[in-house]
Amino acid sequence: QVQLVESGGGQVEPGGSLTLSCVCSGFAIKSWLMEWHRQAPGKQRELLGMMTTDGRDKNYPDSVKGRFTISRDNDKNTLYLHMNHRRPEDTGVYYCRQHGYWGRGKQVTVSS
């Protein structure tokens, strides 16, 4: 059974760093294109970036390029989203995705 479970969110202040985790089961993340998405309040869900099967992260939109990076730990079967220089507009629900499967999402609120 495929499962993706995000963790690490919450309410944080602007600036600084935060890492979200997506623990996966039922498949090997190294064998699939993995993605992080975000849905901000009142907006459509947007792609934040991808991790390819050969370990390359790519396709960061301008809104997060240079601030967010994606990594993975194949042994832990876990995908990560490293968020640096947090901004209030980073507030939203963060999801990881593998093909047709989504995690339930994790709320991140950036506010002082």
N, C-alpha and C. Protein backbone atom coordinates (compact mmCIF):
# COMPACT_ATOMS: atom_id res chain seq x y z
N GLN A 1 0.85 -1.18 0.00
CA GLN A 1 0.00 0.00 0.00
C GLN A 1 0.89 1.25 0.00
N VAL A 2 0.65 2.11 -0.98
CA VAL A 2 1.44 3.34 -1.09
C VAL A 2 0.96 4.36 -0.06
N GLN A 3 1.91 4.92 0.70
CA GLN A 3 1.58 5.97 1.65
C GLN A 3 2.67 7.02 1.64
N LEU A 4 2.25 8.27 1.75
CA LEU A 4 3.15 9.40 1.87
C LEU A 4 2.68 10.22 3.06
N VAL A 5 3.56 10.47 4.01
CA VAL A 5 3.18 11.17 5.23
C VAL A 5 4.13 12.33 5.47
N GLU A 6 3.58 13.54 5.37
CA GLU A 6 4.38 14.74 5.59
C GLU A 6 4.46 15.07 7.08
N SER A 7 5.56 15.69 7.47
CA SER A 7 5.72 16.15 8.85
C SER A 7 6.68 17.32 8.87
N GLY A 8 6.67 18.05 10.00
CA GLY A 8 7.63 19.12 10.20
C GLY A 8 7.08 20.51 10.04
N GLY A 9 5.79 20.64 9.79
CA GLY A 9 5.22 21.97 9.61
C GLY A 9 4.90 22.65 10.93
N GLY A 10 4.03 23.64 10.87
CA GLY A 10 3.64 24.37 12.06
C GLY A 10 3.71 25.86 11.82
N GLN A 11 3.67 26.61 12.91
CA GLN A 11 3.75 28.06 12.81
C GLN A 11 5.18 28.50 13.08
N VAL A 12 5.74 29.28 12.16
CA VAL A 12 7.12 29.72 12.26
C VAL A 12 7.21 31.19 11.92
N GLU A 13 8.28 31.82 12.37
CA GLU A 13 8.47 33.23 12.09
C GLU A 13 9.17 33.42 10.74
N PRO A 14 9.04 34.58 10.13
CA PRO A 14 9.76 34.84 8.88
C PRO A 14 11.28 34.73 9.08
N GLY A 15 11.95 34.34 7.98
CA GLY A 15 13.39 34.13 8.06
C GLY A 15 13.70 32.76 8.61
N GLY A 16 14.97 32.40 8.60
CA GLY A 16 15.34 31.12 9.16
C GLY A 16 15.01 29.96 8.25
N SER A 17 15.19 28.77 8.79
CA SER A 17 15.04 27.56 8.00
C SER A 17 14.04 26.60 8.63
N LEU A 18 13.45 25.80 7.76
CA LEU A 18 12.52 24.76 8.19
C LEU A 18 12.62 23.63 7.19
N THR A 19 12.62 22.42 7.67
CA THR A 19 12.65 21.26 6.79
C THR A 19 11.40 20.42 6.98
N LEU A 20 10.73 20.16 5.88
CA LEU A 20 9.59 19.24 5.87
C LEU A 20 10.07 17.87 5.41
N SER A 21 9.47 16.85 5.98
CA SER A 21 9.79 15.48 5.60
C SER A 21 8.57 14.80 5.02
N CYS A 22 8.81 13.87 4.12
CA CYS A 22 7.75 13.05 3.56
C CYS A 22 8.22 11.60 3.63
N VAL A 23 7.73 10.89 4.62
CA VAL A 23 8.09 9.49 4.79
C VAL A 23 7.19 8.65 3.91
N CYS A 24 7.80 7.83 3.08
CA CYS A 24 7.06 7.06 2.08
C CYS A 24 7.15 5.57 2.36
N SER A 25 6.10 4.87 2.02
CA SER A 25 6.08 3.42 2.15
C SER A 25 5.29 2.82 1.00
N GLY A 26 5.57 1.55 0.73
CA GLY A 26 4.88 0.86 -0.35
C GLY A 26 5.57 0.99 -1.69
N PHE A 27 6.64 1.75 -1.75
CA PHE A 27 7.42 1.92 -2.98
C PHE A 27 8.76 2.52 -2.59
N ALA A 28 9.70 2.47 -3.51
CA ALA A 28 11.03 3.05 -3.29
C ALA A 28 11.11 4.41 -3.95
N ILE A 29 11.38 5.46 -3.16
CA ILE A 29 11.35 6.81 -3.73
C ILE A 29 12.42 6.99 -4.80
N LYS A 30 13.51 6.23 -4.73
CA LYS A 30 14.57 6.39 -5.71
C LYS A 30 14.15 5.92 -7.09
N SER A 31 13.05 5.20 -7.17
CA SER A 31 12.58 4.66 -8.44
C SER A 31 11.49 5.52 -9.09
N TRP A 32 11.13 6.60 -8.41
CA TRP A 32 10.03 7.43 -8.91
C TRP A 32 10.40 8.90 -8.89
N LEU A 33 9.85 9.63 -9.84
CA LEU A 33 9.90 11.08 -9.79
C LEU A 33 9.05 11.54 -8.63
N MET A 34 9.64 12.32 -7.73
CA MET A 34 8.92 12.81 -6.56
C MET A 34 8.77 14.32 -6.63
N GLU A 35 7.70 14.82 -6.05
CA GLU A 35 7.43 16.24 -6.13
C GLU A 35 6.97 16.80 -4.79
N TRP A 36 7.21 18.09 -4.59
CA TRP A 36 6.60 18.85 -3.50
C TRP A 36 5.69 19.90 -4.15
N HIS A 37 4.53 20.07 -3.52
CA HIS A 37 3.56 21.07 -3.96
C HIS A 37 3.12 21.89 -2.76
N ARG A 38 2.54 23.03 -3.04
CA ARG A 38 2.03 23.91 -1.98
C ARG A 38 0.69 24.49 -2.44
N GLN A 39 -0.23 24.59 -1.51
CA GLN A 39 -1.48 25.30 -1.78
C GLN A 39 -1.63 26.42 -0.76
N ALA A 40 -1.47 27.64 -1.25
CA ALA A 40 -1.63 28.81 -0.39
C ALA A 40 -3.11 29.14 -0.27
N PRO A 41 -3.50 29.85 0.77
CA PRO A 41 -4.91 30.19 0.96
C PRO A 41 -5.48 30.92 -0.25
N GLY A 42 -6.57 30.43 -0.78
CA GLY A 42 -7.23 31.07 -1.90
C GLY A 42 -6.55 30.91 -3.24
N LYS A 43 -5.52 30.07 -3.30
CA LYS A 43 -4.79 29.89 -4.55
C LYS A 43 -4.78 28.43 -4.97
N GLN A 44 -4.43 28.23 -6.24
CA GLN A 44 -4.32 26.86 -6.73
C GLN A 44 -3.03 26.21 -6.21
N ARG A 45 -3.07 24.91 -6.17
CA ARG A 45 -1.89 24.17 -5.76
C ARG A 45 -0.78 24.38 -6.79
N GLU A 46 0.43 24.65 -6.32
CA GLU A 46 1.54 24.88 -7.22
C GLU A 46 2.68 23.91 -6.96
N LEU A 47 3.39 23.58 -8.04
CA LEU A 47 4.55 22.73 -7.95
C LEU A 47 5.72 23.53 -7.38
N LEU A 48 6.41 22.98 -6.39
CA LEU A 48 7.57 23.64 -5.78
C LEU A 48 8.89 23.07 -6.26
N GLY A 49 8.87 21.88 -6.84
CA GLY A 49 10.09 21.29 -7.33
C GLY A 49 9.99 19.79 -7.39
N MET A 50 11.00 19.18 -8.02
CA MET A 50 10.99 17.74 -8.26
C MET A 50 12.32 17.12 -7.86
N MET A 51 12.27 15.83 -7.56
CA MET A 51 13.48 15.03 -7.38
C MET A 51 13.41 13.89 -8.39
N THR A 52 14.38 13.84 -9.29
CA THR A 52 14.36 12.81 -10.32
C THR A 52 14.87 11.48 -9.78
N THR A 53 14.71 10.44 -10.57
CA THR A 53 15.17 9.12 -10.13
C THR A 53 16.69 9.06 -10.00
N ASP A 54 17.39 9.89 -10.77
CA ASP A 54 18.85 9.88 -10.65
C ASP A 54 19.36 10.91 -9.66
N GLY A 55 18.46 11.42 -8.82
CA GLY A 55 18.88 12.24 -7.70
C GLY A 55 19.06 13.72 -7.97
N ARG A 56 18.51 14.21 -9.06
CA ARG A 56 18.62 15.64 -9.38
C ARG A 56 17.36 16.37 -8.95
N ASP A 57 17.53 17.52 -8.32
CA ASP A 57 16.38 18.35 -7.98
C ASP A 57 16.26 19.45 -9.03
N LYS A 58 15.04 19.76 -9.41
CA LYS A 58 14.84 20.70 -10.51
C LYS A 58 13.44 21.30 -10.47
N ASN A 59 13.20 22.17 -11.43
CA ASN A 59 11.88 22.76 -11.67
C ASN A 59 11.36 23.58 -10.50
N TYR A 60 12.23 24.33 -9.86
CA TYR A 60 11.77 25.23 -8.82
C TYR A 60 11.16 26.47 -9.47
N PRO A 61 9.98 26.89 -9.05
CA PRO A 61 9.41 28.13 -9.58
C PRO A 61 10.15 29.34 -9.02
N ASP A 62 9.98 30.47 -9.67
CA ASP A 62 10.67 31.68 -9.24
C ASP A 62 10.35 32.05 -7.79
N SER A 63 9.15 31.70 -7.35
CA SER A 63 8.72 32.08 -6.00
C SER A 63 9.58 31.44 -4.91
N VAL A 64 10.25 30.32 -5.21
CA VAL A 64 11.05 29.64 -4.18
C VAL A 64 12.48 29.37 -4.63
N LYS A 65 12.79 29.65 -5.89
CA LYS A 65 14.13 29.36 -6.40
C LYS A 65 15.19 30.11 -5.59
N GLY A 66 16.21 29.40 -5.22
CA GLY A 66 17.27 29.99 -4.40
C GLY A 66 16.99 29.94 -2.91
N ARG A 67 15.77 29.61 -2.52
CA ARG A 67 15.42 29.53 -1.09
C ARG A 67 15.06 28.10 -0.67
N PHE A 68 14.40 27.36 -1.55
CA PHE A 68 13.97 26.00 -1.23
C PHE A 68 14.82 25.01 -2.02
N THR A 69 15.11 23.89 -1.40
CA THR A 69 15.76 22.78 -2.09
C THR A 69 15.11 21.47 -1.66
N ILE A 70 15.21 20.50 -2.55
CA ILE A 70 14.64 19.17 -2.29
C ILE A 70 15.78 18.17 -2.22
N SER A 71 15.70 17.28 -1.26
CA SER A 71 16.66 16.20 -1.16
C SER A 71 15.93 14.92 -0.77
N ARG A 72 16.66 13.83 -0.75
CA ARG A 72 16.04 12.56 -0.35
C ARG A 72 17.08 11.70 0.37
N ASP A 73 16.55 10.80 1.18
CA ASP A 73 17.37 9.79 1.84
C ASP A 73 16.79 8.44 1.43
N ASN A 74 17.49 7.77 0.54
CA ASN A 74 16.97 6.51 0.02
C ASN A 74 16.86 5.44 1.10
N ASP A 75 17.78 5.46 2.05
CA ASP A 75 17.74 4.44 3.11
C ASP A 75 16.52 4.61 3.99
N LYS A 76 16.15 5.87 4.24
CA LYS A 76 14.97 6.16 5.06
C LYS A 76 13.70 6.27 4.22
N ASN A 77 13.87 6.17 2.89
CA ASN A 77 12.75 6.31 1.96
C ASN A 77 11.96 7.59 2.24
N THR A 78 12.70 8.67 2.42
CA THR A 78 12.12 9.94 2.83
C THR A 78 12.57 11.06 1.90
N LEU A 79 11.61 11.88 1.53
CA LEU A 79 11.85 13.07 0.70
C LEU A 79 11.80 14.28 1.62
N TYR A 80 12.65 15.26 1.35
CA TYR A 80 12.72 16.46 2.19
C TYR A 80 12.52 17.72 1.37
N LEU A 81 11.95 18.72 2.01
CA LEU A 81 11.88 20.07 1.43
C LEU A 81 12.53 21.00 2.44
N HIS A 82 13.65 21.59 2.03
CA HIS A 82 14.38 22.51 2.89
C HIS A 82 13.97 23.93 2.53
N MET A 83 13.37 24.61 3.48
CA MET A 83 12.87 25.96 3.25
C MET A 83 13.77 26.94 3.99
N ASN A 84 14.39 27.84 3.25
CA ASN A 84 15.24 28.86 3.85
C ASN A 84 14.62 30.24 3.61
N HIS A 85 15.03 31.21 4.45
CA HIS A 85 14.56 32.59 4.30
C HIS A 85 13.03 32.64 4.15
N ARG A 86 12.36 32.04 5.11
CA ARG A 86 10.91 31.94 5.06
C ARG A 86 10.26 33.33 4.93
N ARG A 87 9.16 33.35 4.19
CA ARG A 87 8.39 34.58 3.99
C ARG A 87 6.93 34.31 4.34
N PRO A 88 6.18 35.34 4.69
CA PRO A 88 4.75 35.14 4.97
C PRO A 88 4.01 34.48 3.80
N GLU A 89 4.42 34.79 2.58
CA GLU A 89 3.75 34.19 1.42
C GLU A 89 4.07 32.71 1.23
N ASP A 90 4.94 32.16 2.05
CA ASP A 90 5.18 30.72 2.03
C ASP A 90 4.12 29.96 2.83
N THR A 91 3.23 30.68 3.44
CA THR A 91 2.14 30.04 4.19
C THR A 91 1.27 29.21 3.27
N GLY A 92 0.96 28.01 3.71
CA GLY A 92 0.11 27.14 2.92
C GLY A 92 0.20 25.71 3.40
N VAL A 93 -0.49 24.85 2.69
CA VAL A 93 -0.41 23.42 2.97
C VAL A 93 0.56 22.79 1.98
N TYR A 94 1.50 22.04 2.51
CA TYR A 94 2.56 21.45 1.71
C TYR A 94 2.31 19.96 1.54
N TYR A 95 2.43 19.53 0.28
CA TYR A 95 2.16 18.14 -0.07
C TYR A 95 3.34 17.52 -0.79
N CYS A 96 3.57 16.26 -0.56
CA CYS A 96 4.49 15.52 -1.43
C CYS A 96 3.65 14.60 -2.31
N ARG A 97 4.25 14.27 -3.45
CA ARG A 97 3.51 13.51 -4.45
C ARG A 97 4.41 12.52 -5.15
N GLN A 98 3.84 11.36 -5.43
CA GLN A 98 4.49 10.36 -6.26
C GLN A 98 3.45 9.91 -7.28
N HIS A 99 3.65 10.31 -8.52
CA HIS A 99 2.73 9.93 -9.61
C HIS A 99 1.29 10.24 -9.21
N GLY A 100 0.47 9.23 -8.99
CA GLY A 100 -0.93 9.50 -8.68
C GLY A 100 -1.24 9.55 -7.20
N TYR A 101 -0.22 9.52 -6.37
CA TYR A 101 -0.43 9.48 -4.93
C TYR A 101 0.03 10.77 -4.27
N TRP A 102 -0.78 11.24 -3.33
CA TRP A 102 -0.49 12.45 -2.57
C TRP A 102 -0.47 12.14 -1.09
N GLY A 103 0.37 12.88 -0.38
CA GLY A 103 0.25 12.87 1.07
C GLY A 103 -0.96 13.70 1.49
N ARG A 104 -1.25 13.69 2.78
CA ARG A 104 -2.39 14.45 3.28
C ARG A 104 -2.08 15.93 3.46
N GLY A 105 -0.82 16.26 3.40
CA GLY A 105 -0.42 17.65 3.51
C GLY A 105 -0.08 18.07 4.92
N LYS A 106 0.73 19.13 5.01
CA LYS A 106 1.12 19.67 6.30
C LYS A 106 1.06 21.18 6.24
N GLN A 107 0.39 21.77 7.21
CA GLN A 107 0.24 23.21 7.24
C GLN A 107 1.53 23.88 7.71
N VAL A 108 1.94 24.90 6.98
CA VAL A 108 3.04 25.76 7.39
C VAL A 108 2.51 27.19 7.40
N THR A 109 2.63 27.84 8.53
CA THR A 109 2.20 29.23 8.65
C THR A 109 3.40 30.08 9.02
N VAL A 110 3.72 31.03 8.16
CA VAL A 110 4.87 31.92 8.40
C VAL A 110 4.32 33.27 8.82
N SER A 111 4.52 33.59 10.08
CA SER A 111 3.94 34.82 10.63
C SER A 111 4.74 35.27 11.83
N SER A 112 4.84 36.57 11.99
CA SER A 112 5.51 37.11 13.16
C SER A 112 4.48 37.45 14.23
